[in-house]
Protein backbone atom coordinates (compact mmCIF):
# COMPACT_ATOMS: atom_id res chain seq x y z
CA MET A 1 67.97 85.68 25.89
CA THR A 2 71.58 86.29 24.89
CA ALA A 3 74.47 86.61 27.33
CA SER A 4 75.28 90.12 26.12
CA THR A 5 71.70 91.22 26.76
CA VAL A 6 71.80 89.88 30.32
CA THR A 7 75.17 91.52 30.98
CA LEU A 8 74.04 94.88 29.66
CA LEU A 9 70.75 94.75 31.56
CA PHE A 10 72.43 93.73 34.81
CA ALA A 11 75.30 96.23 34.56
CA SER A 12 73.08 99.16 33.58
CA THR A 13 70.55 98.41 36.32
CA LEU A 14 73.31 98.08 38.92
CA LEU A 15 74.83 101.39 37.84
CA ALA A 16 71.46 103.11 37.91
CA SER A 17 70.70 101.79 41.38
CA LEU A 18 74.10 102.89 42.70
CA LEU A 19 73.70 106.39 41.29
CA LEU A 20 70.18 106.65 42.71
CA ARG A 21 71.33 105.46 46.14
CA LEU A 22 74.20 107.95 46.10
CA TRP A 23 71.92 110.81 45.07
CA LEU A 24 69.37 110.00 47.76
CA ALA A 25 72.06 109.66 50.45
CA THR A 26 73.55 113.01 49.40
CA ARG A 27 70.14 114.67 49.65
CA GLN A 28 69.57 113.19 53.10
CA ALA A 29 73.00 114.22 54.37
CA ARG A 30 72.64 117.77 53.04
CA HIS A 31 69.15 118.19 54.49
CA VAL A 32 70.04 116.84 57.94
CA ALA A 33 73.23 118.93 58.11
CA GLN A 34 71.41 122.11 57.07
CA HIS A 35 68.83 121.68 59.84
CA ARG A 36 71.25 120.56 62.55
CA GLY A 37 71.52 123.98 64.15
CA ALA A 38 67.92 124.37 65.34
CA VAL A 39 65.15 122.13 66.69
CA PRO A 40 62.19 121.99 64.27
CA ALA A 41 59.33 124.27 65.30
CA ALA A 42 56.99 121.31 65.88
CA PHE A 43 59.36 120.00 68.55
CA ASP A 44 60.54 123.28 70.06
CA GLY A 45 60.44 123.08 73.84
CA ILE A 46 59.94 119.29 73.67
CA VAL A 47 63.25 118.08 72.24
CA THR A 48 66.47 119.71 73.38
CA LEU A 49 68.97 121.12 70.93
CA ALA A 50 71.60 118.72 72.24
CA ALA A 51 69.36 115.70 71.55
CA HIS A 52 68.49 117.04 68.09
CA GLN A 53 72.14 117.53 67.20
CA ARG A 54 73.05 114.11 68.57
CA ALA A 55 70.44 112.56 66.26
CA ALA A 56 71.76 114.55 63.30
CA ASP A 57 75.34 113.45 63.96
CA TYR A 58 74.28 109.81 64.31
CA THR A 59 72.31 110.01 61.07
CA LEU A 60 75.22 111.56 59.19
CA ASP A 61 77.67 108.96 60.49
CA LYS A 62 75.33 106.16 59.42
CA LEU A 63 74.99 107.70 55.98
CA ARG A 64 78.76 107.89 55.55
CA PHE A 65 79.14 104.30 56.67
CA GLY A 66 76.28 103.33 54.38
CA LEU A 67 78.19 104.69 51.40
CA VAL A 68 81.20 102.57 52.36
CA THR A 69 79.05 99.44 52.63
CA LEU A 70 77.35 100.34 49.34
CA ALA A 71 80.67 100.54 47.50
CA PHE A 72 81.95 97.39 49.16
CA GLY A 73 78.76 95.48 48.37
CA ALA A 74 78.86 96.54 44.74
CA ALA A 75 82.49 95.43 44.45
CA VAL A 76 81.71 92.04 46.00
CA LEU A 77 78.68 91.62 43.73
CA LEU A 78 80.74 92.32 40.63
CA GLY A 79 83.46 90.02 41.94
CA TRP A 80 81.04 87.14 42.29
CA THR A 81 79.37 87.72 38.92
CA LEU A 82 80.95 89.54 35.99
CA LEU A 83 84.50 89.19 37.31
CA GLY A 84 84.15 85.41 37.58
CA GLY A 85 84.34 84.71 41.32
CA LEU A 86 81.37 82.36 41.43
CA ASP A 87 82.49 80.62 38.27
CA ALA A 88 85.95 80.02 39.72
CA LEU A 89 84.55 78.70 43.00
CA ASN A 90 82.18 76.36 41.17
CA GLY A 91 84.97 75.10 38.91
CA TRP A 92 87.25 74.39 41.84
CA LEU A 93 84.54 72.46 43.68
CA LEU A 94 83.66 70.43 40.60
CA ALA A 95 87.29 69.48 40.16
CA HIS A 96 88.18 68.73 43.78
CA VAL A 97 85.00 68.02 45.72
CA ARG A 98 82.61 66.28 43.33
CA PRO A 99 84.58 62.98 43.36
CA TRP A 100 84.04 62.80 47.11
CA LEU A 101 80.58 64.32 47.64
CA GLY A 102 78.72 63.58 44.42
CA GLU A 103 76.43 65.95 42.56
CA LEU A 104 74.06 67.03 45.35
CA GLY A 105 76.87 67.27 47.90
CA THR A 106 78.91 69.46 45.55
CA GLN A 107 75.98 71.80 45.02
CA LEU A 108 75.43 72.06 48.76
CA ALA A 109 79.14 72.72 49.17
CA LEU A 110 78.86 75.56 46.65
CA LEU A 111 76.00 77.14 48.58
CA GLY A 112 77.83 76.68 51.87
CA ALA A 113 81.12 78.07 50.58
CA PHE A 114 79.37 81.07 49.09
CA VAL A 115 77.60 81.85 52.38
CA ALA A 116 80.77 81.32 54.42
CA ILE A 117 82.91 83.54 52.19
CA GLY A 118 80.24 86.23 52.10
CA GLY A 119 79.92 86.15 55.87
CA LEU A 120 83.67 86.47 56.37
CA LEU A 121 83.82 89.40 53.97
CA GLU A 122 81.10 91.20 55.90
CA LEU A 123 82.58 90.61 59.36
CA PRO A 124 84.92 93.64 59.36
CA LEU A 125 82.07 95.96 58.37
CA ASP A 126 79.82 94.52 61.04
CA ALA A 127 82.56 94.90 63.63
CA TRP A 128 83.11 98.52 62.63
CA ALA A 129 79.39 99.26 62.80
CA THR A 130 79.11 97.69 66.25
CA PHE A 131 82.31 98.75 67.99
CA ARG A 132 82.95 102.10 66.30
CA LEU A 133 79.76 103.57 64.88
CA GLU A 134 77.28 102.39 67.52
CA ALA A 135 79.81 102.78 70.34
CA ARG A 136 80.69 106.34 69.26
CA HIS A 137 77.09 107.37 69.78
CA GLY A 138 76.60 105.48 73.03
CA PHE A 139 74.47 102.63 71.75
CA ASN A 140 76.75 99.60 71.78
CA ARG A 141 76.83 97.51 74.95
CA THR A 142 78.01 94.22 73.51
CA THR A 143 81.49 92.82 74.03
CA PRO A 144 83.76 91.17 71.45
CA ALA A 145 83.09 87.81 73.14
CA VAL A 146 79.31 88.19 72.91
CA TRP A 147 79.61 89.50 69.34
CA LEU A 148 81.68 86.50 68.27
CA ALA A 149 79.34 84.11 70.10
CA ASP A 150 76.33 85.63 68.33
CA HIS A 151 77.96 85.10 64.94
CA ALA A 152 78.92 81.53 65.82
CA LYS A 153 75.39 80.74 67.01
CA GLY A 154 73.91 82.41 63.93
CA ALA A 155 76.12 80.30 61.68
CA ALA A 156 75.17 77.12 63.53
CA VAL A 157 71.44 77.90 63.37
CA GLY A 158 71.75 78.80 59.71
CA LEU A 159 73.48 75.51 58.98
CA LEU A 160 70.99 73.40 60.94
CA LEU A 161 67.96 75.06 59.36
CA GLY A 162 69.35 76.07 55.99
CA ALA A 163 71.10 72.89 54.91
CA PRO A 164 67.98 70.66 54.93
CA ILE A 165 65.78 73.13 53.04
CA ALA A 166 68.59 73.82 50.55
CA ALA A 167 69.07 70.11 49.98
CA LEU A 168 65.32 69.64 49.47
CA VAL A 169 65.07 72.52 46.98
CA LEU A 170 68.09 71.28 45.02
CA TRP A 171 66.64 67.78 44.93
CA LEU A 172 63.29 69.13 43.69
CA MET A 173 65.03 71.17 40.99
CA GLY A 174 66.57 67.99 39.65
CA ALA A 175 63.74 65.52 40.20
CA ALA A 176 60.40 67.34 40.01
CA GLY A 177 60.43 68.29 36.33
CA GLY A 178 59.46 71.59 34.79
CA LEU A 179 57.21 72.56 37.70
CA TRP A 180 59.93 72.07 40.29
CA TRP A 181 59.52 75.71 41.33
CA LEU A 182 55.95 75.09 42.49
CA TRP A 183 57.02 72.21 44.71
CA ALA A 184 59.99 74.24 45.95
CA TRP A 185 57.64 77.08 46.81
CA GLY A 186 55.53 74.74 48.92
CA ALA A 187 58.67 73.59 50.74
CA TRP A 188 59.75 77.21 51.23
CA VAL A 189 56.37 78.18 52.70
CA GLY A 190 56.47 75.23 55.08
CA PHE A 191 60.02 76.09 56.12
CA ASN A 192 59.14 79.70 56.89
CA LEU A 193 56.10 78.71 58.90
CA LEU A 194 58.24 76.26 60.85
CA VAL A 195 60.78 78.97 61.62
CA LEU A 196 57.99 81.27 62.83
CA VAL A 197 56.85 78.55 65.20
CA LEU A 198 60.35 77.67 66.43
CA TYR A 199 61.72 81.19 66.74
CA PRO A 200 60.12 82.28 70.07
CA THR A 201 60.94 79.16 72.08
CA VAL A 202 63.96 77.61 70.35
CA ILE A 203 65.91 80.16 68.30
CA ALA A 204 65.53 83.49 70.10
CA PRO A 205 66.57 82.11 73.54
CA LEU A 206 69.92 81.10 72.02
CA PHE A 207 70.78 84.80 71.71
CA ASN A 208 68.86 86.54 74.51
CA LYS A 209 67.41 85.83 77.93
CA PHE A 210 63.64 86.05 78.24
CA THR A 211 62.01 86.40 81.66
CA PRO A 212 58.29 86.68 82.45
CA LEU A 213 57.05 90.21 83.06
CA GLU A 214 56.86 90.56 86.83
CA ASP A 215 55.84 94.18 87.42
CA GLY A 216 52.39 93.74 88.97
CA ALA A 217 50.94 97.11 87.99
CA LEU A 218 52.35 97.08 84.47
CA LYS A 219 51.39 93.46 83.91
CA ALA A 220 47.82 94.11 85.05
CA ARG A 221 47.62 97.14 82.77
CA VAL A 222 48.92 95.22 79.78
CA GLU A 223 46.61 92.27 80.38
CA ALA A 224 43.61 94.61 80.70
CA LEU A 225 44.49 96.23 77.38
CA MET A 226 44.83 92.87 75.66
CA ALA A 227 41.51 91.67 77.09
CA ARG A 228 39.86 94.91 75.98
CA CYS A 229 41.23 94.39 72.47
CA GLY A 230 40.27 90.70 72.37
CA PHE A 231 43.88 89.58 72.01
CA ALA A 232 45.33 86.42 73.58
CA ALA A 233 49.02 85.69 74.00
CA LYS A 234 51.08 82.83 75.37
CA GLY A 235 52.91 85.12 77.76
CA LEU A 236 54.49 88.49 78.46
CA PHE A 237 58.28 88.51 78.46
CA VAL A 238 61.16 90.91 79.03
CA MET A 239 64.26 90.51 76.84
CA ASP A 240 67.73 91.56 77.93
CA GLY A 241 68.25 93.87 74.97
CA SER A 242 70.52 96.09 77.10
CA ARG A 243 73.14 93.36 76.96
CA ARG A 244 73.91 94.38 73.39
CA SER A 245 72.43 97.79 72.68
CA ALA A 246 70.79 100.85 74.20
CA HIS A 247 68.10 100.85 71.50
CA ALA A 248 64.60 100.07 72.76
CA ASN A 249 61.76 98.11 71.18
CA ALA A 250 58.77 95.83 71.73
CA TYR A 251 57.38 93.16 69.44
CA PHE A 252 55.09 90.17 69.00
CA THR A 253 56.44 86.84 67.91
CA GLY A 254 54.99 83.43 67.16
CA LEU A 255 51.88 82.20 65.38
CA GLY A 256 48.31 81.67 66.47
CA ALA A 257 47.81 80.93 70.16
CA ALA A 258 51.59 80.68 70.60
CA LYS A 259 52.06 84.44 70.16
CA ARG A 260 54.27 86.13 72.73
CA VAL A 261 54.63 89.76 73.72
CA VAL A 262 58.27 90.76 74.18
CA PHE A 263 59.49 94.00 75.73
CA PHE A 264 63.12 95.10 75.61
CA ASP A 265 64.33 95.86 79.13
CA THR A 266 65.59 99.17 77.74
CA LEU A 267 62.01 100.06 76.74
CA LEU A 268 60.65 99.39 80.22
CA ALA A 269 63.44 101.48 81.73
CA LYS A 270 62.62 104.52 79.58
CA LEU A 271 58.81 104.57 79.45
CA THR A 272 56.08 104.94 82.05
CA PRO A 273 53.52 102.13 82.38
CA ALA A 274 50.97 104.24 80.49
CA GLU A 275 53.45 104.81 77.67
CA VAL A 276 54.32 101.10 77.53
CA GLU A 277 50.60 100.38 77.24
CA ALA A 278 50.31 102.82 74.33
CA VAL A 279 53.27 101.22 72.52
CA LEU A 280 51.72 97.78 73.01
CA ALA A 281 48.40 99.10 71.69
CA HIS A 282 50.23 100.18 68.55
CA GLU A 283 51.54 96.63 68.09
CA LEU A 284 48.05 95.27 68.71
CA GLY A 285 46.87 97.61 65.97
CA HIS A 286 49.06 95.75 63.49
CA PHE A 287 47.32 92.50 64.41
CA ARG A 288 43.86 94.06 64.45
CA HIS A 289 44.39 95.27 60.88
CA ARG A 290 46.01 91.93 59.94
CA HIS A 291 49.18 93.67 58.80
CA VAL A 292 51.36 90.73 59.81
CA THR A 293 49.16 88.25 57.97
CA LYS A 294 49.06 90.48 54.89
CA ARG A 295 52.84 90.85 54.86
CA ILE A 296 53.38 87.12 55.20
CA ALA A 297 50.90 86.46 52.39
CA MET A 298 52.61 89.07 50.22
CA MET A 299 56.02 87.53 50.95
CA PHE A 300 54.73 84.11 49.92
CA ALA A 301 53.14 85.50 46.74
CA LEU A 302 56.34 87.29 45.76
CA SER A 303 58.41 84.19 46.46
CA LEU A 304 56.10 82.18 44.20
CA ALA A 305 56.54 84.72 41.39
CA GLY A 306 60.28 84.77 41.97
CA LEU A 307 60.62 81.00 41.85
CA ALA A 308 58.50 80.83 38.71
CA LEU A 309 60.82 83.37 37.10
CA LEU A 310 63.84 81.38 38.26
CA GLY A 311 62.29 78.26 36.78
CA TRP A 312 62.41 79.95 33.37
CA LEU A 313 65.79 81.66 33.81
CA SER A 314 67.49 78.46 34.91
CA GLN A 315 66.82 77.03 31.45
CA GLN A 316 68.43 79.98 29.65
CA PRO A 317 72.17 79.57 28.94
CA GLY A 318 72.45 83.34 28.54
CA PHE A 319 71.35 83.82 32.15
CA TYR A 320 74.50 82.07 33.38
CA ALA A 321 76.96 83.38 30.81
CA GLY A 322 75.63 86.92 31.04
CA LEU A 323 76.37 86.95 34.77
CA GLY A 324 79.90 85.64 34.46
CA VAL A 325 79.34 81.90 34.88
CA THR A 326 79.92 79.06 32.42
CA PRO A 327 77.20 76.47 33.05
CA SER A 328 78.38 72.90 33.45
CA LEU A 329 77.64 70.47 30.66
CA ASP A 330 78.10 67.33 32.76
CA ALA A 331 76.79 68.48 36.15
CA PRO A 332 73.63 70.15 37.50
CA ASN A 333 73.61 73.94 37.53
CA ASP A 334 70.81 74.31 40.05
CA ALA A 335 72.92 75.79 42.87
CA LEU A 336 74.44 78.23 40.38
CA ALA A 337 70.97 79.31 39.29
CA LEU A 338 69.89 79.89 42.91
CA LEU A 339 72.97 81.93 43.70
CA LEU A 340 72.88 84.03 40.55
CA PHE A 341 69.21 84.78 41.10
CA GLY A 342 69.92 85.72 44.71
CA LEU A 343 72.75 88.01 43.62
CA ALA A 344 71.03 89.71 40.69
CA GLY A 345 67.46 89.80 42.02
CA PRO A 346 67.97 92.55 44.66
CA VAL A 347 69.55 94.83 42.04
CA PHE A 348 66.28 94.90 40.10
CA ALA A 349 64.02 94.72 43.17
CA PHE A 350 65.59 97.88 44.59
CA PHE A 351 63.44 100.05 42.34
CA VAL A 352 60.22 98.88 44.00
CA THR A 353 61.55 99.87 47.45
CA PRO A 354 59.36 103.02 47.58
CA TRP A 355 56.22 100.96 47.09
CA PHE A 356 57.00 98.62 49.98
CA ALA A 357 58.11 101.52 52.18
CA GLY A 358 54.90 103.40 51.42
CA LEU A 359 52.79 100.36 52.28
CA SER A 360 54.65 99.96 55.57
CA ARG A 361 54.14 103.63 56.48
CA ARG A 362 50.42 103.30 55.80
CA HIS A 363 50.31 100.33 58.17
CA GLU A 364 52.10 102.37 60.83
CA PHE A 365 49.52 105.16 60.56
CA GLU A 366 46.73 102.60 60.92
CA ALA A 367 48.36 101.04 63.97
CA ASP A 368 48.84 104.48 65.53
CA ALA A 369 45.18 105.30 64.96
CA TYR A 370 44.17 102.05 66.65
CA ALA A 371 46.45 102.77 69.60
CA CYS A 372 45.00 106.26 69.99
CA ALA A 373 41.50 104.78 70.05
CA GLN A 374 42.41 102.26 72.75
CA THR A 375 44.73 104.35 74.94
CA ASP A 376 45.61 107.96 75.62
CA ALA A 377 46.98 109.55 72.46
CA GLY A 378 49.18 111.75 74.64
CA ASP A 379 50.88 108.67 76.08
CA LEU A 380 51.66 107.32 72.61
CA ARG A 381 52.98 110.71 71.55
CA ALA A 382 55.17 110.94 74.66
CA ALA A 383 56.45 107.39 74.19
CA LEU A 384 57.37 108.00 70.55
CA LEU A 385 59.17 111.24 71.42
CA LYS A 386 61.24 109.41 74.02
CA LEU A 387 62.04 106.63 71.57
CA TYR A 388 62.97 109.10 68.82
CA GLU A 389 65.31 110.85 71.23
CA ASP A 390 66.80 107.73 72.82
CA ASN A 391 67.34 106.05 69.45
CA ALA A 392 68.75 109.27 67.97
CA ALA A 393 66.30 109.28 65.06
CA THR A 394 66.57 112.46 63.04
CA LEU A 395 63.58 114.80 63.14
CA THR A 396 64.55 116.44 59.83
CA PRO A 397 64.85 113.79 57.10
CA ASP A 398 64.84 114.72 53.45
CA ALA A 399 61.29 114.22 52.18
CA LEU A 400 62.27 112.26 49.08
CA TYR A 401 64.73 110.07 50.99
CA ALA A 402 62.00 109.30 53.53
CA ARG A 403 59.49 108.46 50.82
CA PHE A 404 61.95 106.07 49.25
CA TYR A 405 63.32 104.30 52.32
CA TYR A 406 61.39 104.97 55.51
CA SER A 407 59.27 102.06 56.71
CA HIS A 408 57.90 104.34 59.47
CA PRO A 409 56.53 107.85 58.90
CA PRO A 410 58.88 110.73 59.77
CA ALA A 411 58.33 111.99 63.31
CA ALA A 412 56.58 115.24 62.33
CA GLU A 413 54.10 113.47 60.03
CA ARG A 414 53.45 110.69 62.49
CA LEU A 415 52.75 112.93 65.47
CA ALA A 416 50.68 115.37 63.40
CA ALA A 417 48.34 112.53 62.40
CA MET A 418 47.49 111.75 66.03
CA PRO A 419 44.41 113.30 67.64
CA ALA A 420 45.06 116.17 70.03
CA ARG A 421 42.75 114.74 72.65
CA PRO A 422 43.10 111.39 74.45
CA ALA A 423 40.91 108.41 73.68
CA ALA A 424 37.54 108.31 75.34
CA ALA A 425 37.45 106.39 78.60
């Protein structure tokens, strides 16, 4: 594999992905704008024109901002790779840090510096999205102090969890021979399972407050549904999502018997108990169909394939040179290989986005069908309509854009798939 081949392949794929993203975003913007003036017939009399137009305006603003982030991300990517940013950072660390930290320490410093610089570059965009875009449409409720604290906590958690696994992977790359990627995959799987176990009780409470669900009638209704579905959970909790955003949600977290049910306080404020039950039944549908397990297994399988590919690429000098980096002759290049793979991989993976989105939409249809069998389909329909309206989700997406990106079915398709009558008692 020659350097020129890698450069040409990377540059052409990046250009193709950017043009495709731009074309899809243009289609979505045009379609939403063209249908802004009237509520779709399927929702006439259910969704107000004001709510429909609010959703259209929010969608269009997000699309415009998305184009800015797309251009910025492409510029940063080229800066790190073909324009020599990563090579310069690695050279500086080798010259000034290696005498003090040694080989492994220098590689960890490279990973840490890359993450820190990337995070700082993204801060202005995140601030704009939070305090301008979300605030303009009435969703932001966070303060600059909370926003900064969240980023500081996120960096601390990332350092505490990321540094050990990074050090282990780098050590395996240097000490485990040609099959280092298999050992690294095992470490990666163990790390992810550990995070899944720690997240509900250790990580999530650092960012939000979780209180037991106290509403007697709602709690009894939820527990009856879970018993009827044969589902056990560690507890039912309410999260103070309103502290940061007006968006509403509910989710399961944890593994095995440690699973928790978490409701955003904004969700409980907007939905009736029957509608909350229907939303929970939808989430139970994901577990009944083993969607979560399947997605975790797929993630692990893809990570194994990715690491195996990296194991081969890391031995190809053209892989480094073709992406703007001169590999070291007297020092390990393992951290460079990890970073280059992390930078270039998403460019190529973008083209399988429709497949993953389609799989996710199929899972959502299955979970909806399960919820309609366990609760009143009318309650699920009413809950989704409220959530679409409160979250300002457009009712008129471009069909091709939705097929490419949407992890959930468009509102019209999703509601049309639900039975007209409620579930049998």
